[in-house]
Amino acid sequence: MEIPFYKYQGTGNDFVLINNWEQTHLSKKDTAQIRLICDRRFGIGADGLILLQAHPDYDFEMIYFNADGNESSMCGNGGRCIVAFAHHLGLIGETCRFLAIDGVHEALVKPASQIELKMSDVDSIEVGDDYYLMNTGSPHFVTFVEDIDDINVVEVGSAIRYSKRFRKAGVNVNFVEKKAKGVEVATYERGVEDETLSCGTGVTAAAIAYYLDQPTPSRQRVAIKAKGGKLAVHFVPHEDQTIKDIWLCGQANLVFTGSYLVPNTNS
């Protein structure tokens, strides 16, 4: 059996996208198969896999899996990529509303492969001595550092992710360095269990933490530099300490298409 696929990337965060609109190629029970597809040596290779499915009430539904094959929480860059994918297929125009695991999202398709995605509101932020903890669609631990190049992202990130508090459910870990204009972010992602070149929900959390660290009106739109490219996050803070109208903005690009030959497990 062959599965047609599309490979997309958003600032280096790469995904295999499968069109389940008219035919079910993969489902949530195909954990081992999804893990193999995401393997960079034995499969196509990706940080995650996304199914695009029809939905009676929305333009489409997004089902997201981490590279370990398990269905996961919201992925911001994956959300931008699936919007670009749906637009490429002619399923949407320049605007859309779609359903993901954390609820309904809106998105805009702009020129030059720019996709703007409305993220979930953030209504609970834990502030520690040297960290911020919040859920921006996925749980994120944010800590500021003096020099991001001095941080061993995998070693330090995995130590936090597998600490006693977070070991069971996991957490994404973001290291943030303040710059003259915006921030630079490096992320360790659960499910991938490695550093990724970019993380949409992670840079969203970093932008909010940056604003909370020294709140000024100018920081309601934050320029982000990830290792895979540039993003921007803008939002509206409210007096009740909730963050609303959060938009993640950046490019999402088709890399290549192909057919994945499902291995014959009987041979």
Protein backbone atom coordinates (compact mmCIF):
# COMPACT_ATOMS: atom_id res chain seq x y z
CA MET A 1 0.00 0.00 0.00
CA GLU A 2 1.20 3.51 -0.80
CA ILE A 3 0.22 6.64 1.12
CA PRO A 4 0.48 9.98 -0.72
CA PHE A 5 2.07 12.62 1.52
CA TYR A 6 3.15 16.24 1.57
CA LYS A 7 6.16 17.51 3.52
CA TYR A 8 5.83 21.02 4.98
CA GLN A 9 8.04 23.10 7.25
CA GLY A 10 7.41 26.20 9.33
CA THR A 11 10.70 27.85 10.35
CA GLY A 12 12.41 24.48 10.34
CA ASN A 13 9.70 22.66 12.29
CA ASP A 14 8.87 19.94 9.76
CA PHE A 15 5.78 17.78 9.31
CA VAL A 16 4.38 15.01 7.15
CA LEU A 17 0.85 15.93 6.11
CA ILE A 18 -1.68 13.33 5.00
CA ASN A 19 -4.92 14.17 3.20
CA ASN A 20 -7.64 12.10 4.92
CA TRP A 21 -10.42 14.17 3.30
CA GLU A 22 -11.93 11.47 1.08
CA GLN A 23 -9.92 8.39 2.04
CA THR A 24 -8.60 7.32 5.44
CA HIS A 25 -4.91 6.58 4.93
CA LEU A 26 -3.99 6.65 8.62
CA SER A 27 -5.88 6.85 11.92
CA LYS A 28 -5.16 7.39 15.60
CA LYS A 29 -4.57 3.67 16.15
CA ASP A 30 -1.62 3.61 13.71
CA THR A 31 0.93 4.65 16.35
CA ALA A 32 3.76 2.39 15.17
CA GLN A 33 3.26 3.35 11.54
CA ILE A 34 3.25 7.06 12.32
CA ARG A 35 6.39 6.69 14.42
CA LEU A 36 8.12 4.92 11.52
CA ILE A 37 7.04 7.56 9.00
CA CYS A 38 8.53 10.28 11.21
CA ASP A 39 11.82 8.38 11.63
CA ARG A 40 14.59 10.26 9.80
CA ARG A 41 16.43 7.07 8.80
CA PHE A 42 13.73 4.47 8.16
CA GLY A 43 10.86 6.76 7.15
CA ILE A 44 10.22 10.16 5.63
CA GLY A 45 11.47 12.06 8.67
CA ALA A 46 9.62 14.78 10.57
CA ASP A 47 9.01 16.40 13.94
CA GLY A 48 5.40 15.27 13.65
CA LEU A 49 2.61 13.99 11.41
CA ILE A 50 -0.70 15.72 10.74
CA LEU A 51 -3.96 14.35 9.34
CA LEU A 52 -6.27 16.73 7.49
CA GLN A 53 -9.86 15.55 7.84
CA ALA A 54 -13.30 16.80 6.85
CA HIS A 55 -15.55 18.18 9.57
CA PRO A 56 -19.26 19.04 9.28
CA ASP A 57 -19.02 22.30 11.22
CA TYR A 58 -15.62 23.69 10.23
CA ASP A 59 -13.42 24.03 7.17
CA PHE A 60 -11.44 20.99 8.32
CA GLU A 61 -10.11 19.13 11.36
CA MET A 62 -6.45 18.83 12.35
CA ILE A 63 -5.21 15.65 14.06
CA TYR A 64 -1.61 16.03 15.25
CA PHE A 65 0.88 13.33 16.27
CA ASN A 66 4.34 13.77 17.75
CA ALA A 67 7.27 11.94 16.19
CA ASP A 68 6.81 9.17 18.79
CA GLY A 69 3.53 8.26 17.06
CA ASN A 70 1.22 9.44 19.83
CA GLU A 71 -1.55 11.98 19.34
CA SER A 72 -0.49 15.16 21.06
CA SER A 73 -1.65 18.61 22.11
CA MET A 74 -1.75 21.60 19.78
CA CYS A 75 1.21 22.38 17.55
CA GLY A 76 1.40 26.02 16.42
CA ASN A 77 3.75 25.60 13.48
CA GLY A 78 1.87 22.45 12.51
CA GLY A 79 -1.33 24.47 12.58
CA ARG A 80 0.17 27.02 10.22
CA CYS A 81 1.41 24.24 7.93
CA ILE A 82 -1.97 22.52 7.71
CA VAL A 83 -3.59 25.83 6.79
CA ALA A 84 -1.05 26.22 3.97
CA PHE A 85 -1.77 22.61 2.97
CA ALA A 86 -5.55 23.10 2.90
CA HIS A 87 -5.07 26.25 0.81
CA HIS A 88 -2.77 24.36 -1.57
CA LEU A 89 -5.48 21.69 -2.01
CA GLY A 90 -8.09 24.35 -2.75
CA LEU A 91 -10.16 23.46 0.33
CA ILE A 92 -10.02 26.98 1.78
CA GLY A 93 -9.55 30.52 0.58
CA GLU A 94 -7.66 33.25 2.40
CA THR A 95 -9.45 32.66 5.72
CA CYS A 96 -10.56 29.55 7.59
CA ARG A 97 -11.80 28.10 10.85
CA PHE A 98 -10.66 24.63 11.82
CA LEU A 99 -10.90 22.29 14.76
CA ALA A 100 -7.84 21.04 16.66
CA ILE A 101 -7.45 19.15 19.91
CA ASP A 102 -7.50 22.37 21.96
CA GLY A 103 -10.54 23.87 20.22
CA VAL A 104 -11.35 26.07 17.24
CA HIS A 105 -8.70 28.15 15.49
CA GLU A 106 -8.90 30.92 12.91
CA ALA A 107 -6.22 31.52 10.31
CA LEU A 108 -5.30 33.92 7.54
CA VAL A 109 -3.37 33.11 4.38
CA LYS A 110 -1.20 36.06 3.35
CA PRO A 111 1.18 36.62 0.40
CA ALA A 112 4.70 35.15 0.36
CA SER A 113 3.65 31.97 2.21
CA GLN A 114 2.78 33.90 5.36
CA ILE A 115 0.25 32.15 7.58
CA GLU A 116 -1.27 33.86 10.62
CA LEU A 117 -2.82 31.51 13.16
CA LYS A 118 -4.99 32.50 16.10
CA MET A 119 -3.91 30.56 19.16
CA SER A 120 -5.90 29.60 22.25
CA ASP A 121 -6.28 32.17 25.02
CA VAL A 122 -3.96 31.80 27.99
CA ASP A 123 -5.74 32.21 31.33
CA SER A 124 -3.39 30.59 33.83
CA ILE A 125 0.31 31.40 34.17
CA GLU A 126 2.53 30.13 36.96
CA VAL A 127 5.39 32.48 37.78
CA GLY A 128 8.40 31.02 39.62
CA ASP A 129 11.71 32.49 40.69
CA ASP A 130 13.32 31.74 37.34
CA TYR A 131 10.55 30.43 35.11
CA TYR A 132 7.08 30.90 33.65
CA LEU A 133 4.77 27.90 33.17
CA MET A 134 1.74 28.14 30.90
CA ASN A 135 -0.37 26.25 28.39
CA THR A 136 -0.48 27.85 24.94
CA GLY A 137 -2.16 24.82 23.39
CA SER A 138 0.67 22.69 24.77
CA PRO A 139 2.37 23.01 28.19
CA HIS A 140 5.51 25.15 28.20
CA PHE A 141 8.21 25.89 30.76
CA VAL A 142 9.95 29.17 29.88
CA THR A 143 13.20 30.36 31.41
CA PHE A 144 15.37 33.36 30.49
CA VAL A 145 19.10 32.90 29.89
CA GLU A 146 21.99 35.29 29.37
CA ASP A 147 23.47 33.56 26.32
CA ILE A 148 21.39 30.97 24.49
CA ASP A 149 24.47 29.61 22.71
CA ASP A 150 25.90 28.51 26.06
CA ILE A 151 22.90 26.27 26.81
CA ASN A 152 22.96 22.57 26.06
CA VAL A 153 19.30 22.51 25.05
CA VAL A 154 18.94 18.73 24.98
CA GLU A 155 20.74 18.06 28.25
CA VAL A 156 19.15 20.85 30.30
CA GLY A 157 15.78 20.61 28.57
CA SER A 158 15.45 16.87 29.09
CA ALA A 159 16.42 17.22 32.75
CA ILE A 160 13.48 19.59 33.28
CA ARG A 161 11.11 17.56 31.08
CA TYR A 162 11.90 14.34 33.01
CA SER A 163 12.03 15.97 36.44
CA LYS A 164 9.73 14.54 39.11
CA ARG A 165 7.06 17.18 38.51
CA PHE A 166 6.83 16.80 34.74
CA ARG A 167 7.98 13.22 34.12
CA LYS A 168 4.52 11.69 33.66
CA ALA A 169 2.76 14.22 31.42
CA GLY A 170 5.86 15.91 30.03
CA VAL A 171 6.49 19.56 29.33
CA ASN A 172 8.16 21.54 26.54
CA VAL A 173 11.14 23.59 27.69
CA ASN A 174 12.01 26.98 26.19
CA PHE A 175 15.23 28.91 26.72
CA VAL A 176 14.81 32.61 25.92
CA GLU A 177 17.45 35.30 25.42
CA LYS A 178 16.36 38.92 25.30
CA LYS A 179 17.59 40.89 22.30
CA ALA A 180 17.47 44.56 21.33
CA LYS A 181 14.36 43.82 19.29
CA GLY A 182 12.45 40.82 20.56
CA VAL A 183 13.81 37.48 21.73
CA GLU A 184 15.72 34.43 20.57
CA VAL A 185 14.25 31.05 21.53
CA ALA A 186 15.52 27.46 21.68
CA THR A 187 13.11 24.63 22.50
CA TYR A 188 13.28 21.08 23.77
CA GLU A 189 10.07 19.30 22.72
CA ARG A 190 8.40 16.42 24.50
CA GLY A 191 7.28 13.67 22.12
CA VAL A 192 10.18 14.51 19.83
CA GLU A 193 12.47 14.25 22.87
CA ASP A 194 15.02 16.49 21.24
CA GLU A 195 15.66 20.09 20.32
CA THR A 196 13.59 21.33 17.38
CA LEU A 197 14.48 24.24 15.14
CA SER A 198 11.25 25.99 16.04
CA CYS A 199 8.10 25.47 18.09
CA GLY A 200 4.97 27.54 17.51
CA THR A 201 3.35 27.09 20.91
CA GLY A 202 6.82 27.53 22.44
CA VAL A 203 7.56 30.89 20.85
CA THR A 204 4.05 31.97 21.80
CA ALA A 205 4.83 31.14 25.43
CA ALA A 206 8.19 32.91 25.14
CA ALA A 207 6.55 36.07 23.78
CA ILE A 208 4.03 36.14 26.63
CA ALA A 209 6.77 35.55 29.22
CA TYR A 210 8.80 38.37 27.65
CA TYR A 211 5.84 40.71 28.01
CA LEU A 212 5.17 39.65 31.61
CA ASP A 213 8.82 40.05 32.56
CA GLN A 214 8.72 43.76 31.75
CA PRO A 215 5.22 44.66 30.55
CA THR A 216 5.12 47.62 28.17
CA PRO A 217 2.69 48.37 25.33
CA SER A 218 5.45 47.88 22.75
CA ARG A 219 5.86 44.26 23.78
CA GLN A 220 2.36 43.24 22.73
CA ARG A 221 3.94 42.34 19.39
CA VAL A 222 7.12 40.37 19.86
CA ALA A 223 9.66 39.51 17.17
CA ILE A 224 11.00 35.97 17.57
CA LYS A 225 14.19 34.43 16.26
CA ALA A 226 14.18 30.62 16.34
CA LYS A 227 17.00 28.50 14.99
CA GLY A 228 14.85 27.72 11.95
CA GLY A 229 13.77 31.26 11.14
CA LYS A 230 11.78 34.32 12.19
CA LEU A 231 8.28 34.50 13.64
CA ALA A 232 6.14 37.13 15.31
CA VAL A 233 3.54 36.87 18.06
CA HIS A 234 1.00 39.56 18.88
CA PHE A 235 -1.67 39.50 21.56
CA VAL A 236 -3.90 41.52 23.87
CA PRO A 237 -3.25 41.34 27.64
CA HIS A 238 -6.26 41.90 29.91
CA GLU A 239 -6.54 43.24 33.43
CA ASP A 240 -7.72 39.87 34.73
CA GLN A 241 -4.25 38.54 33.77
CA THR A 242 -5.51 36.57 30.78
CA ILE A 243 -3.83 36.86 27.39
CA LYS A 244 -6.24 36.90 24.46
CA ASP A 245 -6.33 37.44 20.69
CA ILE A 246 -2.98 35.67 20.33
CA TRP A 247 -1.69 35.37 16.75
CA LEU A 248 1.33 33.39 15.60
CA CYS A 249 2.70 34.71 12.32
CA GLY A 250 5.33 33.37 9.92
CA GLN A 251 6.02 31.38 6.79
CA ALA A 252 4.82 27.82 6.13
CA ASN A 253 6.26 26.15 3.05
CA LEU A 254 5.68 23.02 0.99
CA VAL A 255 9.02 21.19 0.71
CA PHE A 256 8.17 18.13 -1.40
CA THR A 257 5.49 15.55 -2.10
CA GLY A 258 5.72 11.80 -2.56
CA SER A 259 4.27 8.37 -1.84
CA TYR A 260 5.17 6.39 1.25
CA LEU A 261 5.35 2.65 0.67
CA VAL A 262 3.99 0.95 3.76
CA PRO A 263 6.42 -1.84 4.75
CA ASN A 264 5.26 -5.43 4.47
CA THR A 265 5.47 -6.63 8.05
CA ASN A 266 4.96 -10.25 6.97
CA SER A 267 8.26 -10.42 5.06
